[in-house]
Amino acid sequence: MSDKIDTQKIAKLARLKLTATESEKLDGYLEQIIDYIDQLNQLDTSNVQPTSNVIPAHNIFRDDEASESKNVDYLTGAPSSNKRHYEVP
């Protein structure tokens, strides 16, 4: 891997507080993932026919229906909210 991953920046964007030990551990995991992706990128797939879905599944979801919101305060876990909306930086 050529570039160093800024784990602390990723954690800050995700609003996570990582200890130095957790950050080092995450560095290792992310480095392994990116190395594996680099290996996959080296594969010759020129003779592989593209697919959009490997199984013949059709839309299995129900139709959307408008309904009133349940009386649950979804925003209680948000670091910042404004009336009925999440606030993001």
PDB file of N, CA and C in Angstrom:
ATOM      1  N   MET A   1       0.836  -1.169   0.000  1.00  0.00           N
ATOM      2  CA  MET A   1       0.000   0.000   0.000  1.00  0.00           C
ATOM      3  C   MET A   1       0.884   1.236   0.000  1.00  0.00           C
ATOM      4  N   SER A   2       0.563   2.194  -0.851  1.00  0.00           N
ATOM      5  CA  SER A   2       1.440   3.344  -1.001  1.00  0.00           C
ATOM      6  C   SER A   2       1.074   4.504  -0.076  1.00  0.00           C
ATOM      7  N   ASP A   3      -0.200   4.754   0.166  1.00  0.00           N
ATOM      8  CA  ASP A   3      -0.614   5.896   0.977  1.00  0.00           C
ATOM      9  C   ASP A   3      -0.962   5.456   2.391  1.00  0.00           C
ATOM     10  N   LYS A   4      -0.631   6.314   3.362  1.00  0.00           N
ATOM     11  CA  LYS A   4      -0.957   6.044   4.759  1.00  0.00           C
ATOM     12  C   LYS A   4      -2.409   6.432   5.000  1.00  0.00           C
ATOM     13  N   ILE A   5      -3.136   5.557   5.664  1.00  0.00           N
ATOM     14  CA  ILE A   5      -4.533   5.827   5.979  1.00  0.00           C
ATOM     15  C   ILE A   5      -4.589   6.697   7.232  1.00  0.00           C
ATOM     16  N   ASP A   6      -5.351   7.776   7.181  1.00  0.00           N
ATOM     17  CA  ASP A   6      -5.509   8.662   8.332  1.00  0.00           C
ATOM     18  C   ASP A   6      -6.714   8.185   9.144  1.00  0.00           C
ATOM     19  N   THR A   7      -6.459   7.212  10.008  1.00  0.00           N
ATOM     20  CA  THR A   7      -7.528   6.598  10.790  1.00  0.00           C
ATOM     21  C   THR A   7      -8.212   7.611  11.694  1.00  0.00           C
ATOM     22  N   GLN A   8      -7.452   8.515  12.268  1.00  0.00           N
ATOM     23  CA  GLN A   8      -8.046   9.513  13.157  1.00  0.00           C
ATOM     24  C   GLN A   8      -9.005  10.432  12.395  1.00  0.00           C
ATOM     25  N   LYS A   9      -8.669  10.764  11.151  1.00  0.00           N
ATOM     26  CA  LYS A   9      -9.557  11.612  10.348  1.00  0.00           C
ATOM     27  C   LYS A   9     -10.848  10.866  10.031  1.00  0.00           C
ATOM     28  N   ILE A  10     -10.720   9.583   9.666  1.00  0.00           N
ATOM     29  CA  ILE A  10     -11.903   8.764   9.384  1.00  0.00           C
ATOM     30  C   ILE A  10     -12.769   8.658  10.636  1.00  0.00           C
ATOM     31  N   ALA A  11     -12.137   8.439  11.782  1.00  0.00           N
ATOM     32  CA  ALA A  11     -12.872   8.332  13.042  1.00  0.00           C
ATOM     33  C   ALA A  11     -13.597   9.641  13.363  1.00  0.00           C
ATOM     34  N   LYS A  12     -12.932  10.764  13.121  1.00  0.00           N
ATOM     35  CA  LYS A  12     -13.556  12.061  13.393  1.00  0.00           C
ATOM     36  C   LYS A  12     -14.766  12.275  12.488  1.00  0.00           C
ATOM     37  N   LEU A  13     -14.637  11.926  11.200  1.00  0.00           N
ATOM     38  CA  LEU A  13     -15.760  12.077  10.279  1.00  0.00           C
ATOM     39  C   LEU A  13     -16.932  11.180  10.675  1.00  0.00           C
ATOM     40  N   ALA A  14     -16.621  10.013  11.244  1.00  0.00           N
ATOM     41  CA  ALA A  14     -17.656   9.076  11.681  1.00  0.00           C
ATOM     42  C   ALA A  14     -18.104   9.361  13.116  1.00  0.00           C
ATOM     43  N   ARG A  15     -17.542  10.422  13.699  1.00  0.00           N
ATOM     44  CA  ARG A  15     -17.841  10.813  15.076  1.00  0.00           C
ATOM     45  C   ARG A  15     -17.552   9.682  16.058  1.00  0.00           C
ATOM     46  N   LEU A  16     -16.398   9.037  15.858  1.00  0.00           N
ATOM     47  CA  LEU A  16     -15.931   7.988  16.750  1.00  0.00           C
ATOM     48  C   LEU A  16     -14.738   8.502  17.537  1.00  0.00           C
ATOM     49  N   LYS A  17     -14.644   8.096  18.771  1.00  0.00           N
ATOM     50  CA  LYS A  17     -13.477   8.432  19.586  1.00  0.00           C
ATOM     51  C   LYS A  17     -12.675   7.154  19.765  1.00  0.00           C
ATOM     52  N   LEU A  18     -11.506   7.100  19.151  1.00  0.00           N
ATOM     53  CA  LEU A  18     -10.660   5.916  19.215  1.00  0.00           C
ATOM     54  C   LEU A  18      -9.462   6.171  20.112  1.00  0.00           C
ATOM     55  N   THR A  19      -9.113   5.157  20.874  1.00  0.00           N
ATOM     56  CA  THR A  19      -7.875   5.231  21.641  1.00  0.00           C
ATOM     57  C   THR A  19      -6.722   4.982  20.678  1.00  0.00           C
ATOM     58  N   ALA A  20      -5.512   5.224  21.130  1.00  0.00           N
ATOM     59  CA  ALA A  20      -4.338   4.988  20.282  1.00  0.00           C
ATOM     60  C   ALA A  20      -4.245   3.518  19.897  1.00  0.00           C
ATOM     61  N   THR A  21      -4.565   2.629  20.832  1.00  0.00           N
ATOM     62  CA  THR A  21      -4.526   1.189  20.554  1.00  0.00           C
ATOM     63  C   THR A  21      -5.563   0.809  19.507  1.00  0.00           C
ATOM     64  N   GLU A  22      -6.782   1.338  19.648  1.00  0.00           N
ATOM     65  CA  GLU A  22      -7.838   1.050  18.673  1.00  0.00           C
ATOM     66  C   GLU A  22      -7.468   1.591  17.299  1.00  0.00           C
ATOM     67  N   SER A  23      -6.875   2.777  17.269  1.00  0.00           N
ATOM     68  CA  SER A  23      -6.468   3.387  16.010  1.00  0.00           C
ATOM     69  C   SER A  23      -5.409   2.546  15.305  1.00  0.00           C
ATOM     70  N   GLU A  24      -4.428   2.057  16.059  1.00  0.00           N
ATOM     71  CA  GLU A  24      -3.385   1.208  15.469  1.00  0.00           C
ATOM     72  C   GLU A  24      -3.978  -0.092  14.938  1.00  0.00           C
ATOM     73  N   LYS A  25      -4.899  -0.670  15.697  1.00  0.00           N
ATOM     74  CA  LYS A  25      -5.548  -1.916  15.280  1.00  0.00           C
ATOM     75  C   LYS A  25      -6.343  -1.686  13.993  1.00  0.00           C
ATOM     76  N   LEU A  26      -7.083  -0.571  13.947  1.00  0.00           N
ATOM     77  CA  LEU A  26      -7.866  -0.241  12.763  1.00  0.00           C
ATOM     78  C   LEU A  26      -6.964   0.029  11.566  1.00  0.00           C
ATOM     79  N   ASP A  27      -5.823   0.677  11.803  1.00  0.00           N
ATOM     80  CA  ASP A  27      -4.840   0.892  10.732  1.00  0.00           C
ATOM     81  C   ASP A  27      -4.469  -0.430  10.075  1.00  0.00           C
ATOM     82  N   GLY A  28      -4.185  -1.432  10.905  1.00  0.00           N
ATOM     83  CA  GLY A  28      -3.808  -2.748  10.388  1.00  0.00           C
ATOM     84  C   GLY A  28      -4.924  -3.384   9.583  1.00  0.00           C
ATOM     85  N   TYR A  29      -6.155  -3.313  10.109  1.00  0.00           N
ATOM     86  CA  TYR A  29      -7.296  -3.899   9.397  1.00  0.00           C
ATOM     87  C   TYR A  29      -7.514  -3.219   8.047  1.00  0.00           C
ATOM     88  N   LEU A  30      -7.499  -1.889   8.049  1.00  0.00           N
ATOM     89  CA  LEU A  30      -7.736  -1.155   6.804  1.00  0.00           C
ATOM     90  C   LEU A  30      -6.626  -1.413   5.791  1.00  0.00           C
ATOM     91  N   GLU A  31      -5.411  -1.517   6.267  1.00  0.00           N
ATOM     92  CA  GLU A  31      -4.286  -1.803   5.378  1.00  0.00           C
ATOM     93  C   GLU A  31      -4.455  -3.176   4.721  1.00  0.00           C
ATOM     94  N   GLN A  32      -4.888  -4.170   5.508  1.00  0.00           N
ATOM     95  CA  GLN A  32      -5.127  -5.510   4.961  1.00  0.00           C
ATOM     96  C   GLN A  32      -6.244  -5.490   3.923  1.00  0.00           C
ATOM     97  N   ILE A  33      -7.296  -4.752   4.202  1.00  0.00           N
ATOM     98  CA  ILE A  33      -8.422  -4.665   3.265  1.00  0.00           C
ATOM     99  C   ILE A  33      -7.974  -4.033   1.955  1.00  0.00           C
ATOM    100  N   ILE A  34      -7.235  -2.940   2.034  1.00  0.00           N
ATOM    101  CA  ILE A  34      -6.785  -2.254   0.822  1.00  0.00           C
ATOM    102  C   ILE A  34      -5.786  -3.107   0.052  1.00  0.00           C
ATOM    103  N   ASP A  35      -4.914  -3.822   0.756  1.00  0.00           N
ATOM    104  CA  ASP A  35      -3.991  -4.738   0.078  1.00  0.00           C
ATOM    105  C   ASP A  35      -4.760  -5.825  -0.666  1.00  0.00           C
ATOM    106  N   TYR A  36      -5.819  -6.349  -0.061  1.00  0.00           N
ATOM    107  CA  TYR A  36      -6.632  -7.380  -0.712  1.00  0.00           C
ATOM    108  C   TYR A  36      -7.336  -6.809  -1.945  1.00  0.00           C
ATOM    109  N   ILE A  37      -7.844  -5.602  -1.836  1.00  0.00           N
ATOM    110  CA  ILE A  37      -8.485  -4.952  -2.985  1.00  0.00           C
ATOM    111  C   ILE A  37      -7.472  -4.753  -4.104  1.00  0.00           C
ATOM    112  N   ASP A  38      -6.243  -4.385  -3.756  1.00  0.00           N
ATOM    113  CA  ASP A  38      -5.185  -4.249  -4.765  1.00  0.00           C
ATOM    114  C   ASP A  38      -4.938  -5.577  -5.472  1.00  0.00           C
ATOM    115  N   GLN A  39      -4.965  -6.684  -4.718  1.00  0.00           N
ATOM    116  CA  GLN A  39      -4.805  -8.009  -5.333  1.00  0.00           C
ATOM    117  C   GLN A  39      -5.950  -8.291  -6.298  1.00  0.00           C
ATOM    118  N   LEU A  40      -7.171  -7.968  -5.895  1.00  0.00           N
ATOM    119  CA  LEU A  40      -8.331  -8.193  -6.763  1.00  0.00           C
ATOM    120  C   LEU A  40      -8.241  -7.354  -8.035  1.00  0.00           C
ATOM    121  N   ASN A  41      -7.721  -6.144  -7.911  1.00  0.00           N
ATOM    122  CA  ASN A  41      -7.586  -5.268  -9.073  1.00  0.00           C
ATOM    123  C   ASN A  41      -6.576  -5.797 -10.085  1.00  0.00           C
ATOM    124  N   GLN A  42      -5.685  -6.685  -9.670  1.00  0.00           N
ATOM    125  CA  GLN A  42      -4.685  -7.247 -10.573  1.00  0.00           C
ATOM    126  C   GLN A  42      -5.224  -8.431 -11.378  1.00  0.00           C
ATOM    127  N   LEU A  43      -6.403  -8.927 -11.016  1.00  0.00           N
ATOM    128  CA  LEU A  43      -6.972 -10.068 -11.732  1.00  0.00           C
ATOM    129  C   LEU A  43      -7.369  -9.680 -13.148  1.00  0.00           C
ATOM    130  N   ASP A  44      -7.162 -10.600 -14.082  1.00  0.00           N
ATOM    131  CA  ASP A  44      -7.565 -10.383 -15.470  1.00  0.00           C
ATOM    132  C   ASP A  44      -9.022 -10.810 -15.621  1.00  0.00           C
ATOM    133  N   THR A  45      -9.898  -9.849 -15.756  1.00  0.00           N
ATOM    134  CA  THR A  45     -11.325 -10.136 -15.903  1.00  0.00           C
ATOM    135  C   THR A  45     -11.823  -9.807 -17.304  1.00  0.00           C
ATOM    136  N   SER A  46     -10.907  -9.700 -18.249  1.00  0.00           N
ATOM    137  CA  SER A  46     -11.297  -9.312 -19.606  1.00  0.00           C
ATOM    138  C   SER A  46     -12.205 -10.346 -20.268  1.00  0.00           C
ATOM    139  N   ASN A  47     -12.107 -11.616 -19.891  1.00  0.00           N
ATOM    140  CA  ASN A  47     -12.951 -12.652 -20.492  1.00  0.00           C
ATOM    141  C   ASN A  47     -14.158 -13.010 -19.631  1.00  0.00           C
ATOM    142  N   VAL A  48     -14.420 -12.222 -18.619  1.00  0.00           N
ATOM    143  CA  VAL A  48     -15.558 -12.477 -17.741  1.00  0.00           C
ATOM    144  C   VAL A  48     -16.696 -11.556 -18.149  1.00  0.00           C
ATOM    145  N   GLN A  49     -17.843 -12.172 -18.431  1.00  0.00           N
ATOM    146  CA  GLN A  49     -18.996 -11.387 -18.856  1.00  0.00           C
ATOM    147  C   GLN A  49     -19.591 -10.653 -17.644  1.00  0.00           C
ATOM    148  N   PRO A  50     -19.843  -9.363 -17.778  1.00  0.00           N
ATOM    149  CA  PRO A  50     -20.395  -8.605 -16.654  1.00  0.00           C
ATOM    150  C   PRO A  50     -21.810  -9.071 -16.303  1.00  0.00           C
ATOM    151  N   THR A  51     -22.129  -9.021 -15.030  1.00  0.00           N
ATOM    152  CA  THR A  51     -23.478  -9.354 -14.574  1.00  0.00           C
ATOM    153  C   THR A  51     -23.963  -8.251 -13.650  1.00  0.00           C
ATOM    154  N   SER A  52     -25.250  -8.040 -13.647  1.00  0.00           N
ATOM    155  CA  SER A  52     -25.799  -7.060 -12.712  1.00  0.00           C
ATOM    156  C   SER A  52     -26.274  -7.749 -11.445  1.00  0.00           C
ATOM    157  N   ASN A  53     -26.577  -9.044 -11.548  1.00  0.00           N
ATOM    158  CA  ASN A  53     -27.006  -9.806 -10.392  1.00  0.00           C
ATOM    159  C   ASN A  53     -26.700 -11.270 -10.652  1.00  0.00           C
ATOM    160  N   VAL A  54     -26.113 -11.949  -9.694  1.00  0.00           N
ATOM    161  CA  VAL A  54     -25.717 -13.334  -9.907  1.00  0.00           C
ATOM    162  C   VAL A  54     -26.858 -14.314  -9.679  1.00  0.00           C
ATOM    163  N   ILE A  55     -27.935 -13.873  -9.049  1.00  0.00           N
ATOM    164  CA  ILE A  55     -29.092 -14.747  -8.870  1.00  0.00           C
ATOM    165  C   ILE A  55     -30.295 -14.134  -9.576  1.00  0.00           C
ATOM    166  N   PRO A  56     -31.175 -14.961 -10.113  1.00  0.00           N
ATOM    167  CA  PRO A  56     -32.321 -14.429 -10.866  1.00  0.00           C
ATOM    168  C   PRO A  56     -33.439 -13.939  -9.938  1.00  0.00           C
ATOM    169  N   ALA A  57     -33.160 -12.934  -9.130  1.00  0.00           N
ATOM    170  CA  ALA A  57     -34.163 -12.408  -8.207  1.00  0.00           C
ATOM    171  C   ALA A  57     -34.821 -11.177  -8.817  1.00  0.00           C
ATOM    172  N   HIS A  58     -36.090 -11.062  -8.566  1.00  0.00           N
ATOM    173  CA  HIS A  58     -36.837  -9.883  -9.010  1.00  0.00           C
ATOM    174  C   HIS A  58     -37.155  -9.042  -7.783  1.00  0.00           C
ATOM    175  N   ASN A  59     -37.845  -7.952  -7.972  1.00  0.00           N
ATOM    176  CA  ASN A  59     -38.168  -7.077  -6.856  1.00  0.00           C
ATOM    177  C   ASN A  59     -38.974  -7.854  -5.817  1.00  0.00           C
ATOM    178  N   ILE A  60     -38.387  -8.058  -4.654  1.00  0.00           N
ATOM    179  CA  ILE A  60     -39.045  -8.833  -3.607  1.00  0.00           C
ATOM    180  C   ILE A  60     -39.607  -7.936  -2.510  1.00  0.00           C
ATOM    181  N   PHE A  61     -39.524  -6.636  -2.698  1.00  0.00           N
ATOM    182  CA  PHE A  61     -39.987  -5.708  -1.683  1.00  0.00           C
ATOM    183  C   PHE A  61     -41.430  -5.300  -1.939  1.00  0.00           C
ATOM    184  N   ARG A  62     -42.107  -4.950  -0.875  1.00  0.00           N
ATOM    185  CA  ARG A  62     -43.488  -4.495  -1.003  1.00  0.00           C
ATOM    186  C   ARG A  62     -43.499  -3.056  -1.519  1.00  0.00           C
ATOM    187  N   ASP A  63     -44.637  -2.618  -2.005  1.00  0.00           N
ATOM    188  CA  ASP A  63     -44.789  -1.236  -2.439  1.00  0.00           C
ATOM    189  C   ASP A  63     -44.743  -0.312  -1.227  1.00  0.00           C
ATOM    190  N   ASP A  64     -44.167   0.868  -1.417  1.00  0.00           N
ATOM    191  CA  ASP A  64     -44.128   1.856  -0.347  1.00  0.00           C
ATOM    192  C   ASP A  64     -45.521   2.418  -0.117  1.00  0.00           C
ATOM    193  N   GLU A  65     -45.844   2.620   1.149  1.00  0.00           N
ATOM    194  CA  GLU A  65     -47.123   3.224   1.502  1.00  0.00           C
ATOM    195  C   GLU A  65     -46.860   4.340   2.499  1.00  0.00           C
ATOM    196  N   ALA A  66     -47.441   5.498   2.250  1.00  0.00           N
ATOM    197  CA  ALA A  66     -47.287   6.620   3.173  1.00  0.00           C
ATOM    198  C   ALA A  66     -48.079   6.334   4.439  1.00  0.00           C
ATOM    199  N   SER A  67     -47.485   6.631   5.577  1.00  0.00           N
ATOM    200  CA  SER A  67     -48.179   6.433   6.850  1.00  0.00           C
ATOM    201  C   SER A  67     -47.630   7.430   7.864  1.00  0.00           C
ATOM    202  N   GLU A  68     -48.376   7.598   8.944  1.00  0.00           N
ATOM    203  CA  GLU A  68     -47.947   8.503   9.998  1.00  0.00           C
ATOM    204  C   GLU A  68     -46.742   7.911  10.719  1.00  0.00           C
ATOM    205  N   SER A  69     -45.893   8.782  11.210  1.00  0.00           N
ATOM    206  CA  SER A  69     -44.719   8.352  11.951  1.00  0.00           C
ATOM    207  C   SER A  69     -45.140   7.796  13.304  1.00  0.00           C
ATOM    208  N   LYS A  70     -44.448   6.783  13.758  1.00  0.00           N
ATOM    209  CA  LYS A  70     -44.722   6.227  15.081  1.00  0.00           C
ATOM    210  C   LYS A  70     -44.234   7.217  16.137  1.00  0.00           C
ATOM    211  N   ASN A  71     -44.759   7.101  17.326  1.00  0.00           N
ATOM    212  CA  ASN A  71     -44.378   8.015  18.411  1.00  0.00           C
ATOM    213  C   ASN A  71     -43.061   7.592  19.040  1.00  0.00           C
ATOM    214  N   VAL A  72     -42.031   7.499  18.237  1.00  0.00           N
ATOM    215  CA  VAL A  72     -40.705   7.137  18.715  1.00  0.00           C
ATOM    216  C   VAL A  72     -39.779   8.304  18.403  1.00  0.00           C
ATOM    217  N   ASP A  73     -38.997   8.713  19.387  1.00  0.00           N
ATOM    218  CA  ASP A  73     -38.080   9.817  19.150  1.00  0.00           C
ATOM    219  C   ASP A  73     -36.767   9.253  18.616  1.00  0.00           C
ATOM    220  N   TYR A  74     -36.621   9.252  17.307  1.00  0.00           N
ATOM    221  CA  TYR A  74     -35.438   8.707  16.657  1.00  0.00           C
ATOM    222  C   TYR A  74     -34.210   9.595  16.863  1.00  0.00           C
ATOM    223  N   LEU A  75     -34.436  10.820  17.242  1.00  0.00           N
ATOM    224  CA  LEU A  75     -33.332  11.769  17.336  1.00  0.00           C
ATOM    225  C   LEU A  75     -32.640  11.763  18.696  1.00  0.00           C
ATOM    226  N   THR A  76     -33.088  10.935  19.631  1.00  0.00           N
ATOM    227  CA  THR A  76     -32.487  10.961  20.964  1.00  0.00           C
ATOM    228  C   THR A  76     -31.025  10.547  20.943  1.00  0.00           C
ATOM    229  N   GLY A  77     -30.626   9.701  20.017  1.00  0.00           N
ATOM    230  CA  GLY A  77     -29.237   9.266  19.947  1.00  0.00           C
ATOM    231  C   GLY A  77     -28.362  10.154  19.090  1.00  0.00           C
ATOM    232  N   ALA A  78     -28.951  11.169  18.464  1.00  0.00           N
ATOM    233  CA  ALA A  78     -28.186  12.042  17.574  1.00  0.00           C
ATOM    234  C   ALA A  78     -27.388  13.055  18.381  1.00  0.00           C
ATOM    235  N   PRO A  79     -26.141  13.322  17.967  1.00  0.00           N
ATOM    236  CA  PRO A  79     -25.354  14.326  18.674  1.00  0.00           C
ATOM    237  C   PRO A  79     -25.940  15.727  18.539  1.00  0.00           C
ATOM    238  N   SER A  80     -26.664  15.964  17.439  1.00  0.00           N
ATOM    239  CA  SER A  80     -27.246  17.280  17.220  1.00  0.00           C
ATOM    240  C   SER A  80     -28.477  17.137  16.334  1.00  0.00           C
ATOM    241  N   SER A  81     -29.577  17.791  16.734  1.00  0.00           N
ATOM    242  CA  SER A  81     -30.790  17.725  15.921  1.00  0.00           C
ATOM    243  C   SER A  81     -31.512  19.063  15.983  1.00  0.00           C
ATOM    244  N   ASN A  82     -32.391  19.274  15.010  1.00  0.00           N
ATOM    245  CA  ASN A  82     -33.156  20.502  14.914  1.00  0.00           C
ATOM    246  C   ASN A  82     -34.603  20.110  14.634  1.00  0.00           C
ATOM    247  N   LYS A  83     -35.455  20.191  15.627  1.00  0.00           N
ATOM    248  CA  LYS A  83     -36.859  19.794  15.538  1.00  0.00           C
ATOM    249  C   LYS A  83     -36.979  18.338  15.104  1.00  0.00           C
ATOM    250  N   ARG A  84     -37.248  18.079  13.831  1.00  0.00           N
ATOM    251  CA  ARG A  84     -37.460  16.706  13.371  1.00  0.00           C
ATOM    252  C   ARG A  84     -36.352  16.222  12.448  1.00  0.00           C
ATOM    253  N   HIS A  85     -35.201  16.875  12.446  1.00  0.00           N
ATOM    254  CA  HIS A  85     -34.146  16.530  11.501  1.00  0.00           C
ATOM    255  C   HIS A  85     -32.804  16.376  12.211  1.00  0.00           C
ATOM    256  N   TYR A  86     -31.980  15.493  11.681  1.00  0.00           N
ATOM    257  CA  TYR A  86     -30.604  15.378  12.151  1.00  0.00           C
ATOM    258  C   TYR A  86     -29.817  16.579  11.651  1.00  0.00           C
ATOM    259  N   GLU A  87     -28.917  17.094  12.472  1.00  0.00           N
ATOM    260  CA  GLU A  87     -28.008  18.150  12.031  1.00  0.00           C
ATOM    261  C   GLU A  87     -26.646  17.529  11.787  1.00  0.00           C
ATOM    262  N   VAL A  88     -26.087  17.833  10.652  1.00  0.00           N
ATOM    263  CA  VAL A  88     -24.761  17.317  10.314  1.00  0.00           C
ATOM    264  C   VAL A  88     -23.840  18.487  10.000  1.00  0.00           C
ATOM    265  N   PRO A  89     -22.537  18.274  10.214  1.00  0.00           N
ATOM    266  CA  PRO A  89     -21.604  19.374   9.936  1.00  0.00           C
ATOM    267  C   PRO A  89     -21.497  19.654   8.450  1.00  0.00           C
TER     268      PRO A  89
END
